[in-house]
Structure formats: C-alpha cells, structure tokens
Amino acid sequence: SGIIFSINDVRWHRQAPGKERERVAAITRSGIRNYADSVK
C-alpha cells in the first residue's frame, strides 16, 4: 500500500539463523521471473 505496485519489481528473500540473506525469487514489472537454484 502507498505505492504504485505495478511499476515495481518484486523480490522474495529469506534469511535463516546464522546465514546470509538469500534472494529466492523475483518477478519484474513486465512479468519476467527468476529463481535461486535452491528453489527452482
């Protein structure tokens, strides 16, 4: 909310205890997707 959602890329990240944050998935504003190998 409070943002023009459609012009933004969206990314999901995760962080496990004691580990670096990892990007797991992304979708661009045009709908192009990519994934970390660990979740493909």
PDB file of all heavy atoms in Angstrom:
ATOM      1  N   SER A   1       0.851  -1.185   0.000  1.00  0.00           N
ATOM      2  CA  SER A   1       0.000   0.000   0.000  1.00  0.00           C
ATOM      3  C   SER A   1       0.885   1.232   0.000  1.00  0.00           C
ATOM      4  O   SER A   1       2.047   1.184   0.416  1.00  0.00           O
ATOM      5  CB  SER A   1      -0.929   0.011   1.214  1.00  0.00           C
ATOM      6  OG  SER A   1      -0.181   0.001   2.408  1.00  0.00           O
ATOM      7  N   GLY A   2       0.326   2.330  -0.504  1.00  0.00           N
ATOM      8  CA  GLY A   2       1.077   3.581  -0.544  1.00  0.00           C
ATOM      9  C   GLY A   2       2.120   3.631  -1.626  1.00  0.00           C
ATOM     10  O   GLY A   2       3.047   4.456  -1.569  1.00  0.00           O
ATOM     11  N   ILE A   3       1.979   2.773  -2.642  1.00  0.00           N
ATOM     12  CA  ILE A   3       2.987   2.679  -3.683  1.00  0.00           C
ATOM     13  C   ILE A   3       2.294   2.271  -4.986  1.00  0.00           C
ATOM     14  O   ILE A   3       1.252   1.611  -4.954  1.00  0.00           O
ATOM     15  CB  ILE A   3       4.069   1.650  -3.297  1.00  0.00           C
ATOM     16  CG1 ILE A   3       5.302   1.758  -4.196  1.00  0.00           C
ATOM     17  CG2 ILE A   3       3.514   0.237  -3.284  1.00  0.00           C
ATOM     18  CD1 ILE A   3       6.483   0.944  -3.700  1.00  0.00           C
ATOM     19  N   ILE A   4       2.873   2.693  -6.107  1.00  0.00           N
ATOM     20  CA  ILE A   4       2.358   2.237  -7.398  1.00  0.00           C
ATOM     21  C   ILE A   4       2.960   0.870  -7.659  1.00  0.00           C
ATOM     22  O   ILE A   4       4.067   0.732  -8.194  1.00  0.00           O
ATOM     23  CB  ILE A   4       2.702   3.229  -8.521  1.00  0.00           C
ATOM     24  CG1 ILE A   4       2.168   4.626  -8.173  1.00  0.00           C
ATOM     25  CG2 ILE A   4       2.099   2.749  -9.850  1.00  0.00           C
ATOM     26  CD1 ILE A   4       2.575   5.710  -9.141  1.00  0.00           C
ATOM     27  N   PHE A   5       2.227  -0.136  -7.259  1.00  0.00           N
ATOM     28  CA  PHE A   5       2.749  -1.503  -7.227  1.00  0.00           C
ATOM     29  C   PHE A   5       3.241  -1.965  -8.598  1.00  0.00           C
ATOM     30  O   PHE A   5       4.287  -2.592  -8.725  1.00  0.00           O
ATOM     31  CB  PHE A   5       1.645  -2.428  -6.717  1.00  0.00           C
ATOM     32  CG  PHE A   5       2.051  -3.862  -6.570  1.00  0.00           C
ATOM     33  CD1 PHE A   5       2.779  -4.277  -5.469  1.00  0.00           C
ATOM     34  CD2 PHE A   5       1.675  -4.804  -7.520  1.00  0.00           C
ATOM     35  CE1 PHE A   5       3.141  -5.602  -5.315  1.00  0.00           C
ATOM     36  CE2 PHE A   5       2.022  -6.124  -7.376  1.00  0.00           C
ATOM     37  CZ  PHE A   5       2.760  -6.533  -6.283  1.00  0.00           C
ATOM     38  N   SER A   6       2.505  -1.611  -9.638  1.00  0.00           N
ATOM     39  CA  SER A   6       2.758  -2.196 -10.953  1.00  0.00           C
ATOM     40  C   SER A   6       4.101  -1.791 -11.554  1.00  0.00           C
ATOM     41  O   SER A   6       4.597  -2.481 -12.450  1.00  0.00           O
ATOM     42  CB  SER A   6       1.634  -1.813 -11.919  1.00  0.00           C
ATOM     43  OG  SER A   6       1.577  -0.410 -12.065  1.00  0.00           O
ATOM     44  N   ILE A   7       4.703  -0.719 -11.098  1.00  0.00           N
ATOM     45  CA  ILE A   7       5.960  -0.282 -11.703  1.00  0.00           C
ATOM     46  C   ILE A   7       7.171  -0.869 -10.993  1.00  0.00           C
ATOM     47  O   ILE A   7       8.312  -0.588 -11.354  1.00  0.00           O
ATOM     48  CB  ILE A   7       6.085   1.250 -11.735  1.00  0.00           C
ATOM     49  CG1 ILE A   7       6.231   1.837 -10.321  1.00  0.00           C
ATOM     50  CG2 ILE A   7       4.908   1.868 -12.466  1.00  0.00           C
ATOM     51  CD1 ILE A   7       6.599   3.310 -10.323  1.00  0.00           C
ATOM     52  N   ASN A   8       6.909  -1.670  -9.976  1.00  0.00           N
ATOM     53  CA  ASN A   8       7.996  -2.216  -9.165  1.00  0.00           C
ATOM     54  C   ASN A   8       8.308  -3.665  -9.501  1.00  0.00           C
ATOM     55  O   ASN A   8       7.396  -4.449  -9.773  1.00  0.00           O
ATOM     56  CB  ASN A   8       7.624  -2.159  -7.683  1.00  0.00           C
ATOM     57  CG  ASN A   8       7.759  -0.760  -7.119  1.00  0.00           C
ATOM     58  OD1 ASN A   8       8.802  -0.386  -6.602  1.00  0.00           O
ATOM     59  ND2 ASN A   8       6.696   0.022  -7.247  1.00  0.00           N
ATOM     60  N   ASP A   9       9.587  -3.994  -9.470  1.00  0.00           N
ATOM     61  CA  ASP A   9       9.966  -5.394  -9.424  1.00  0.00           C
ATOM     62  C   ASP A   9       9.677  -5.901  -8.010  1.00  0.00           C
ATOM     63  O   ASP A   9       9.784  -5.151  -7.043  1.00  0.00           O
ATOM     64  CB  ASP A   9      11.457  -5.566  -9.710  1.00  0.00           C
ATOM     65  CG  ASP A   9      11.841  -5.151 -11.120  1.00  0.00           C
ATOM     66  OD1 ASP A   9      10.927  -4.973 -11.966  1.00  0.00           O
ATOM     67  OD2 ASP A   9      13.056  -4.997 -11.375  1.00  0.00           O
ATOM     68  N   VAL A  10       9.338  -7.160  -7.912  1.00  0.00           N
ATOM     69  CA  VAL A  10       9.066  -7.764  -6.608  1.00  0.00           C
ATOM     70  C   VAL A  10      10.057  -8.893  -6.383  1.00  0.00           C
ATOM     71  O   VAL A  10      10.292  -9.712  -7.274  1.00  0.00           O
ATOM     72  CB  VAL A  10       7.638  -8.325  -6.533  1.00  0.00           C
ATOM     73  CG1 VAL A  10       7.401  -8.943  -5.147  1.00  0.00           C
ATOM     74  CG2 VAL A  10       6.613  -7.250  -6.813  1.00  0.00           C
ATOM     75  N   ARG A  11      10.613  -8.904  -5.198  1.00  0.00           N
ATOM     76  CA  ARG A  11      11.574  -9.952  -4.861  1.00  0.00           C
ATOM     77  C   ARG A  11      11.195 -10.559  -3.518  1.00  0.00           C
ATOM     78  O   ARG A  11      10.732  -9.842  -2.624  1.00  0.00           O
ATOM     79  CB  ARG A  11      12.984  -9.358  -4.760  1.00  0.00           C
ATOM     80  CG  ARG A  11      13.428  -8.683  -6.044  1.00  0.00           C
ATOM     81  CD  ARG A  11      14.529  -7.689  -5.791  1.00  0.00           C
ATOM     82  NE  ARG A  11      15.002  -7.059  -7.010  1.00  0.00           N
ATOM     83  CZ  ARG A  11      15.871  -6.071  -7.038  1.00  0.00           C
ATOM     84  NH1 ARG A  11      16.384  -5.595  -5.913  1.00  0.00           N
ATOM     85  NH2 ARG A  11      16.260  -5.561  -8.196  1.00  0.00           N
ATOM     86  N   TRP A  12      11.409 -11.842  -3.399  1.00  0.00           N
ATOM     87  CA  TRP A  12      11.294 -12.530  -2.115  1.00  0.00           C
ATOM     88  C   TRP A  12      12.705 -12.959  -1.697  1.00  0.00           C
ATOM     89  O   TRP A  12      13.450 -13.536  -2.488  1.00  0.00           O
ATOM     90  CB  TRP A  12      10.397 -13.753  -2.207  1.00  0.00           C
ATOM     91  CG  TRP A  12       8.944 -13.455  -2.266  1.00  0.00           C
ATOM     92  CD1 TRP A  12       8.158 -13.370  -3.370  1.00  0.00           C
ATOM     93  CD2 TRP A  12       8.076 -13.225  -1.145  1.00  0.00           C
ATOM     94  NE1 TRP A  12       6.861 -13.098  -3.018  1.00  0.00           N
ATOM     95  CE2 TRP A  12       6.785 -13.005  -1.658  1.00  0.00           C
ATOM     96  CE3 TRP A  12       8.263 -13.197   0.236  1.00  0.00           C
ATOM     97  CZ2 TRP A  12       5.681 -12.741  -0.841  1.00  0.00           C
ATOM     98  CZ3 TRP A  12       7.176 -12.938   1.053  1.00  0.00           C
ATOM     99  CH2 TRP A  12       5.894 -12.716   0.514  1.00  0.00           C
ATOM    100  N   HIS A  13      13.004 -12.692  -0.443  1.00  0.00           N
ATOM    101  CA  HIS A  13      14.284 -13.071   0.143  1.00  0.00           C
ATOM    102  C   HIS A  13      14.010 -13.912   1.380  1.00  0.00           C
ATOM    103  O   HIS A  13      12.901 -13.886   1.922  1.00  0.00           O
ATOM    104  CB  HIS A  13      15.073 -11.833   0.573  1.00  0.00           C
ATOM    105  CG  HIS A  13      15.232 -10.792  -0.483  1.00  0.00           C
ATOM    106  ND1 HIS A  13      16.396 -10.592  -1.188  1.00  0.00           N
ATOM    107  CD2 HIS A  13      14.358  -9.871  -0.962  1.00  0.00           C
ATOM    108  CE1 HIS A  13      16.230  -9.604  -2.033  1.00  0.00           C
ATOM    109  NE2 HIS A  13      14.999  -9.137  -1.929  1.00  0.00           N
ATOM    110  N   ARG A  14      15.023 -14.603   1.830  1.00  0.00           N
ATOM    111  CA  ARG A  14      14.886 -15.317   3.089  1.00  0.00           C
ATOM    112  C   ARG A  14      16.194 -15.253   3.859  1.00  0.00           C
ATOM    113  O   ARG A  14      17.262 -15.098   3.276  1.00  0.00           O
ATOM    114  CB  ARG A  14      14.468 -16.773   2.877  1.00  0.00           C
ATOM    115  CG  ARG A  14      15.512 -17.651   2.194  1.00  0.00           C
ATOM    116  CD  ARG A  14      14.941 -19.026   1.912  1.00  0.00           C
ATOM    117  NE  ARG A  14      15.921 -19.890   1.258  1.00  0.00           N
ATOM    118  CZ  ARG A  14      15.621 -21.080   0.757  1.00  0.00           C
ATOM    119  NH1 ARG A  14      14.375 -21.552   0.825  1.00  0.00           N
ATOM    120  NH2 ARG A  14      16.577 -21.812   0.183  1.00  0.00           N
ATOM    121  N   GLN A  15      16.056 -15.388   5.155  1.00  0.00           N
ATOM    122  CA  GLN A  15      17.244 -15.424   6.000  1.00  0.00           C
ATOM    123  C   GLN A  15      17.031 -16.443   7.105  1.00  0.00           C
ATOM    124  O   GLN A  15      16.085 -16.308   7.892  1.00  0.00           O
ATOM    125  CB  GLN A  15      17.562 -14.056   6.586  1.00  0.00           C
ATOM    126  CG  GLN A  15      18.900 -14.018   7.315  1.00  0.00           C
ATOM    127  CD  GLN A  15      19.399 -12.610   7.557  1.00  0.00           C
ATOM    128  OE1 GLN A  15      18.639 -11.660   7.567  1.00  0.00           O
ATOM    129  NE2 GLN A  15      20.701 -12.477   7.749  1.00  0.00           N
ATOM    130  N   ALA A  16      17.903 -17.415   7.119  1.00  0.00           N
ATOM    131  CA  ALA A  16      17.877 -18.432   8.166  1.00  0.00           C
ATOM    132  C   ALA A  16      18.843 -18.011   9.273  1.00  0.00           C
ATOM    133  O   ALA A  16      19.784 -17.254   9.024  1.00  0.00           O
ATOM    134  CB  ALA A  16      18.284 -19.781   7.593  1.00  0.00           C
ATOM    135  N   PRO A  17      18.634 -18.489  10.484  1.00  0.00           N
ATOM    136  CA  PRO A  17      19.520 -18.126  11.597  1.00  0.00           C
ATOM    137  C   PRO A  17      20.974 -18.430  11.272  1.00  0.00           C
ATOM    138  O   PRO A  17      21.306 -19.535  10.824  1.00  0.00           O
ATOM    139  CB  PRO A  17      19.011 -18.987  12.751  1.00  0.00           C
ATOM    140  CG  PRO A  17      17.593 -19.258  12.419  1.00  0.00           C
ATOM    141  CD  PRO A  17      17.535 -19.361  10.927  1.00  0.00           C
ATOM    142  N   GLY A  18      21.829 -17.447  11.478  1.00  0.00           N
ATOM    143  CA  GLY A  18      23.252 -17.647  11.261  1.00  0.00           C
ATOM    144  C   GLY A  18      23.684 -17.656   9.815  1.00  0.00           C
ATOM    145  O   GLY A  18      24.851 -17.931   9.514  1.00  0.00           O
ATOM    146  N   LYS A  19      22.755 -17.367   8.901  1.00  0.00           N
ATOM    147  CA  LYS A  19      23.093 -17.394   7.469  1.00  0.00           C
ATOM    148  C   LYS A  19      22.867 -16.037   6.835  1.00  0.00           C
ATOM    149  O   LYS A  19      22.127 -15.193   7.364  1.00  0.00           O
ATOM    150  CB  LYS A  19      22.267 -18.456   6.751  1.00  0.00           C
ATOM    151  CG  LYS A  19      22.596 -19.878   7.170  1.00  0.00           C
ATOM    152  CD  LYS A  19      21.915 -20.884   6.261  1.00  0.00           C
ATOM    153  CE  LYS A  19      22.318 -22.289   6.595  1.00  0.00           C
ATOM    154  NZ  LYS A  19      21.684 -23.286   5.695  1.00  0.00           N
ATOM    155  N   GLU A  20      23.487 -15.850   5.676  1.00  0.00           N
ATOM    156  CA  GLU A  20      23.299 -14.622   4.912  1.00  0.00           C
ATOM    157  C   GLU A  20      21.891 -14.603   4.322  1.00  0.00           C
ATOM    158  O   GLU A  20      21.294 -15.639   4.051  1.00  0.00           O
ATOM    159  CB  GLU A  20      24.314 -14.572   3.757  1.00  0.00           C
ATOM    160  CG  GLU A  20      25.766 -14.532   4.185  1.00  0.00           C
ATOM    161  CD  GLU A  20      26.196 -13.130   4.546  1.00  0.00           C
ATOM    162  OE1 GLU A  20      25.688 -12.178   3.928  1.00  0.00           O
ATOM    163  OE2 GLU A  20      27.035 -12.990   5.439  1.00  0.00           O
ATOM    164  N   ARG A  21      21.387 -13.401   4.100  1.00  0.00           N
ATOM    165  CA  ARG A  21      20.115 -13.283   3.420  1.00  0.00           C
ATOM    166  C   ARG A  21      20.271 -13.734   1.974  1.00  0.00           C
ATOM    167  O   ARG A  21      21.283 -13.442   1.327  1.00  0.00           O
ATOM    168  CB  ARG A  21      19.625 -11.838   3.466  1.00  0.00           C
ATOM    169  CG  ARG A  21      18.205 -11.646   2.961  1.00  0.00           C
ATOM    170  CD  ARG A  21      17.727 -10.245   3.242  1.00  0.00           C
ATOM    171  NE  ARG A  21      18.525  -9.255   2.538  1.00  0.00           N
ATOM    172  CZ  ARG A  21      18.601  -7.971   2.891  1.00  0.00           C
ATOM    173  NH1 ARG A  21      17.935  -7.541   3.942  1.00  0.00           N
ATOM    174  NH2 ARG A  21      19.347  -7.133   2.203  1.00  0.00           N
ATOM    175  N   GLU A  22      19.276 -14.426   1.481  1.00  0.00           N
ATOM    176  CA  GLU A  22      19.315 -15.011   0.144  1.00  0.00           C
ATOM    177  C   GLU A  22      18.083 -14.578  -0.633  1.00  0.00           C
ATOM    178  O   GLU A  22      16.959 -14.674  -0.128  1.00  0.00           O
ATOM    179  CB  GLU A  22      19.319 -16.545   0.267  1.00  0.00           C
ATOM    180  CG  GLU A  22      19.200 -17.298  -1.033  1.00  0.00           C
ATOM    181  CD  GLU A  22      18.968 -18.786  -0.831  1.00  0.00           C
ATOM    182  OE1 GLU A  22      18.502 -19.196   0.244  1.00  0.00           O
ATOM    183  OE2 GLU A  22      19.257 -19.554  -1.781  1.00  0.00           O
ATOM    184  N   ARG A  23      18.291 -14.109  -1.862  1.00  0.00           N
ATOM    185  CA  ARG A  23      17.147 -13.826  -2.725  1.00  0.00           C
ATOM    186  C   ARG A  23      16.678 -15.144  -3.309  1.00  0.00           C
ATOM    187  O   ARG A  23      17.466 -15.849  -3.943  1.00  0.00           O
ATOM    188  CB  ARG A  23      17.495 -12.866  -3.832  1.00  0.00           C
ATOM    189  CG  ARG A  23      16.286 -12.498  -4.690  1.00  0.00           C
ATOM    190  CD  ARG A  23      16.667 -11.774  -5.947  1.00  0.00           C
ATOM    191  NE  ARG A  23      17.345 -10.524  -5.693  1.00  0.00           N
ATOM    192  CZ  ARG A  23      17.796  -9.727  -6.677  1.00  0.00           C
ATOM    193  NH1 ARG A  23      17.619 -10.061  -7.928  1.00  0.00           N
ATOM    194  NH2 ARG A  23      18.425  -8.608  -6.367  1.00  0.00           N
ATOM    195  N   VAL A  24      15.417 -15.464  -3.151  1.00  0.00           N
ATOM    196  CA  VAL A  24      14.931 -16.752  -3.653  1.00  0.00           C
ATOM    197  C   VAL A  24      14.133 -16.627  -4.940  1.00  0.00           C
ATOM    198  O   VAL A  24      14.104 -17.563  -5.741  1.00  0.00           O
ATOM    199  CB  VAL A  24      14.096 -17.501  -2.588  1.00  0.00           C
ATOM    200  CG1 VAL A  24      14.962 -17.870  -1.400  1.00  0.00           C
ATOM    201  CG2 VAL A  24      12.903 -16.700  -2.141  1.00  0.00           C
ATOM    202  N   ALA A  25      13.470 -15.505  -5.139  1.00  0.00           N
ATOM    203  CA  ALA A  25      12.661 -15.358  -6.352  1.00  0.00           C
ATOM    204  C   ALA A  25      12.435 -13.887  -6.641  1.00  0.00           C
ATOM    205  O   ALA A  25      12.416 -13.064  -5.723  1.00  0.00           O
ATOM    206  CB  ALA A  25      11.309 -16.070  -6.188  1.00  0.00           C
ATOM    207  N   ALA A  26      12.241 -13.614  -7.916  1.00  0.00           N
ATOM    208  CA  ALA A  26      11.967 -12.245  -8.335  1.00  0.00           C
ATOM    209  C   ALA A  26      11.046 -12.259  -9.539  1.00  0.00           C
ATOM    210  O   ALA A  26      11.068 -13.203 -10.336  1.00  0.00           O
ATOM    211  CB  ALA A  26      13.266 -11.519  -8.665  1.00  0.00           C
ATOM    212  N   ILE A  27      10.247 -11.202  -9.653  1.00  0.00           N
ATOM    213  CA  ILE A  27       9.410 -11.020 -10.834  1.00  0.00           C
ATOM    214  C   ILE A  27       9.468  -9.540 -11.188  1.00  0.00           C
ATOM    215  O   ILE A  27       9.255  -8.675 -10.336  1.00  0.00           O
ATOM    216  CB  ILE A  27       7.963 -11.515 -10.601  1.00  0.00           C
ATOM    217  CG1 ILE A  27       7.137 -11.383 -11.876  1.00  0.00           C
ATOM    218  CG2 ILE A  27       7.301 -10.823  -9.415  1.00  0.00           C
ATOM    219  CD1 ILE A  27       5.796 -12.121 -11.808  1.00  0.00           C
ATOM    220  N   THR A  28       9.805  -9.271 -12.438  1.00  0.00           N
ATOM    221  CA  THR A  28       9.911  -7.878 -12.855  1.00  0.00           C
ATOM    222  C   THR A  28       8.515  -7.295 -13.104  1.00  0.00           C
ATOM    223  O   THR A  28       7.507  -8.007 -13.109  1.00  0.00           O
ATOM    224  CB  THR A  28      10.733  -7.757 -14.138  1.00  0.00           C
ATOM    225  OG1 THR A  28       9.998  -8.365 -15.217  1.00  0.00           O
ATOM    226  CG2 THR A  28      12.086  -8.438 -14.001  1.00  0.00           C
ATOM    227  N   ARG A  29       8.472  -6.000 -13.341  1.00  0.00           N
ATOM    228  CA  ARG A  29       7.177  -5.363 -13.596  1.00  0.00           C
ATOM    229  C   ARG A  29       6.570  -5.863 -14.895  1.00  0.00           C
ATOM    230  O   ARG A  29       5.347  -5.777 -15.071  1.00  0.00           O
ATOM    231  CB  ARG A  29       7.319  -3.851 -13.619  1.00  0.00           C
ATOM    232  CG  ARG A  29       8.255  -3.327 -14.668  1.00  0.00           C
ATOM    233  CD  ARG A  29       8.394  -1.824 -14.528  1.00  0.00           C
ATOM    234  NE  ARG A  29       9.267  -1.260 -15.545  1.00  0.00           N
ATOM    235  CZ  ARG A  29       9.499   0.036 -15.661  1.00  0.00           C
ATOM    236  NH1 ARG A  29       8.926   0.895 -14.829  1.00  0.00           N
ATOM    237  NH2 ARG A  29      10.300   0.483 -16.602  1.00  0.00           N
ATOM    238  N   SER A  30       7.393  -6.429 -15.777  1.00  0.00           N
ATOM    239  CA  SER A  30       6.874  -6.984 -17.026  1.00  0.00           C
ATOM    240  C   SER A  30       6.594  -8.478 -16.912  1.00  0.00           C
ATOM    241  O   SER A  30       6.180  -9.107 -17.888  1.00  0.00           O
ATOM    242  CB  SER A  30       7.855  -6.723 -18.164  1.00  0.00           C
ATOM    243  OG  SER A  30       9.111  -7.288 -17.875  1.00  0.00           O
ATOM    244  N   GLY A  31       6.817  -9.050 -15.740  1.00  0.00           N
ATOM    245  CA  GLY A  31       6.440 -10.441 -15.510  1.00  0.00           C
ATOM    246  C   GLY A  31       7.534 -11.465 -15.715  1.00  0.00           C
ATOM    247  O   GLY A  31       7.262 -12.671 -15.660  1.00  0.00           O
ATOM    248  N   ILE A  32       8.758 -11.024 -15.921  1.00  0.00           N
ATOM    249  CA  ILE A  32       9.860 -11.965 -16.069  1.00  0.00           C
ATOM    250  C   ILE A  32      10.255 -12.478 -14.688  1.00  0.00           C
ATOM    251  O   ILE A  32      10.477 -11.698 -13.773  1.00  0.00           O
ATOM    252  CB  ILE A  32      11.053 -11.298 -16.763  1.00  0.00           C
ATOM    253  CG1 ILE A  32      10.662 -10.866 -18.176  1.00  0.00           C
ATOM    254  CG2 ILE A  32      12.244 -12.256 -16.807  1.00  0.00           C
ATOM    255  CD1 ILE A  32      11.686 -10.019 -18.879  1.00  0.00           C
ATOM    256  N   ARG A  33      10.353 -13.800 -14.587  1.00  0.00           N
ATOM    257  CA  ARG A  33      10.643 -14.430 -13.309  1.00  0.00           C
ATOM    258  C   ARG A  33      12.051 -15.023 -13.283  1.00  0.00           C
ATOM    259  O   ARG A  33      12.537 -15.495 -14.304  1.00  0.00           O
ATOM    260  CB  ARG A  33       9.648 -15.565 -13.034  1.00  0.00           C
ATOM    261  CG  ARG A  33       8.207 -15.140 -12.921  1.00  0.00           C
ATOM    262  CD  ARG A  33       7.307 -16.372 -12.873  1.00  0.00           C
ATOM    263  NE  ARG A  33       5.923 -16.047 -12.578  1.00  0.00           N
ATOM    264  CZ  ARG A  33       5.033 -15.686 -13.478  1.00  0.00           C
ATOM    265  NH1 ARG A  33       5.382 -15.570 -14.757  1.00  0.00           N
ATOM    266  NH2 ARG A  33       3.787 -15.431 -13.116  1.00  0.00           N
ATOM    267  N   ASN A  34      12.643 -15.022 -12.128  1.00  0.00           N
ATOM    268  CA  ASN A  34      13.848 -15.834 -11.946  1.00  0.00           C
ATOM    269  C   ASN A  34      13.908 -16.326 -10.512  1.00  0.00           C
ATOM    270  O   ASN A  34      13.261 -15.768  -9.619  1.00  0.00           O
ATOM    271  CB  ASN A  34      15.119 -15.089 -12.354  1.00  0.00           C
ATOM    272  CG  ASN A  34      15.351 -13.842 -11.554  1.00  0.00           C
ATOM    273  OD1 ASN A  34      15.705 -13.896 -10.387  1.00  0.00           O
ATOM    274  ND2 ASN A  34      15.172 -12.692 -12.182  1.00  0.00           N
ATOM    275  N   TYR A  35      14.659 -17.406 -10.335  1.00  0.00           N
ATOM    276  CA  TYR A  35      14.682 -18.121  -9.063  1.00  0.00           C
ATOM    277  C   TYR A  35      16.103 -18.516  -8.688  1.00  0.00           C
ATOM    278  O   TYR A  35      16.947 -18.768  -9.551  1.00  0.00           O
ATOM    279  CB  TYR A  35      13.838 -19.399  -9.162  1.00  0.00           C
ATOM    280  CG  TYR A  35      12.404 -19.168  -9.514  1.00  0.00           C
ATOM    281  CD1 TYR A  35      11.965 -19.200 -10.833  1.00  0.00           C
ATOM    282  CD2 TYR A  35      11.463 -18.902  -8.519  1.00  0.00           C
ATOM    283  CE1 TYR A  35      10.639 -18.979 -11.160  1.00  0.00           C
ATOM    284  CE2 TYR A  35      10.128 -18.682  -8.829  1.00  0.00           C
ATOM    285  CZ  TYR A  35       9.732 -18.723 -10.153  1.00  0.00           C
ATOM    286  OH  TYR A  35       8.410 -18.499 -10.462  1.00  0.00           O
ATOM    287  N   ALA A  36      16.322 -18.615  -7.394  1.00  0.00           N
ATOM    288  CA  ALA A  36      17.561 -19.207  -6.917  1.00  0.00           C
ATOM    289  C   ALA A  36      17.565 -20.692  -7.269  1.00  0.00           C
ATOM    290  O   ALA A  36      16.507 -21.339  -7.296  1.00  0.00           O
ATOM    291  CB  ALA A  36      17.681 -19.038  -5.409  1.00  0.00           C
ATOM    292  N   ASP A  37      18.745 -21.218  -7.523  1.00  0.00           N
ATOM    293  CA  ASP A  37      18.838 -22.636  -7.879  1.00  0.00           C
ATOM    294  C   ASP A  37      18.236 -23.527  -6.796  1.00  0.00           C
ATOM    295  O   ASP A  37      17.675 -24.584  -7.085  1.00  0.00           O
ATOM    296  CB  ASP A  37      20.299 -23.023  -8.104  1.00  0.00           C
ATOM    297  CG  ASP A  37      20.859 -22.458  -9.400  1.00  0.00           C
ATOM    298  OD1 ASP A  37      20.058 -22.044 -10.275  1.00  0.00           O
ATOM    299  OD2 ASP A  37      22.094 -22.411  -9.539  1.00  0.00           O
ATOM    300  N   SER A  38      18.343 -23.097  -5.562  1.00  0.00           N
ATOM    301  CA  SER A  38      17.877 -23.914  -4.435  1.00  0.00           C
ATOM    302  C   SER A  38      16.361 -24.100  -4.409  1.00  0.00           C
ATOM    303  O   SER A  38      15.865 -25.009  -3.730  1.00  0.00           O
ATOM    304  CB  SER A  38      18.343 -23.300  -3.115  1.00  0.00           C
ATOM    305  OG  SER A  38      17.875 -21.967  -2.993  1.00  0.00           O
ATOM    306  N   VAL A  39      15.635 -23.258  -5.138  1.00  0.00           N
ATOM    307  CA  VAL A  39      14.166 -23.348  -5.091  1.00  0.00           C
ATOM    308  C   VAL A  39      13.540 -23.584  -6.456  1.00  0.00           C
ATOM    309  O   VAL A  39      12.317 -23.739  -6.554  1.00  0.00           O
ATOM    310  CB  VAL A  39      13.548 -22.083  -4.453  1.00  0.00           C
ATOM    311  CG1 VAL A  39      14.165 -21.816  -3.090  1.00  0.00           C
ATOM    312  CG2 VAL A  39      13.670 -20.868  -5.354  1.00  0.00           C
ATOM    313  N   LYS A  40      14.349 -23.631  -7.495  1.00  0.00           N
ATOM    314  CA  LYS A  40      13.799 -23.826  -8.835  1.00  0.00           C
ATOM    315  C   LYS A  40      13.000 -25.116  -8.916  1.00  0.00           C
ATOM    316  O   LYS A  40      13.420 -26.155  -8.416  1.00  0.00           O
ATOM    317  CB  LYS A  40      14.935 -23.875  -9.867  1.00  0.00           C
ATOM    318  CG  LYS A  40      15.379 -22.529 -10.369  1.00  0.00           C
ATOM    319  CD  LYS A  40      16.489 -22.675 -11.404  1.00  0.00           C
ATOM    320  CE  LYS A  40      17.002 -21.305 -11.819  1.00  0.00           C
ATOM    321  NZ  LYS A  40      18.156 -21.409 -12.727  1.00  0.00           N
TER     322      LYS A  40
END
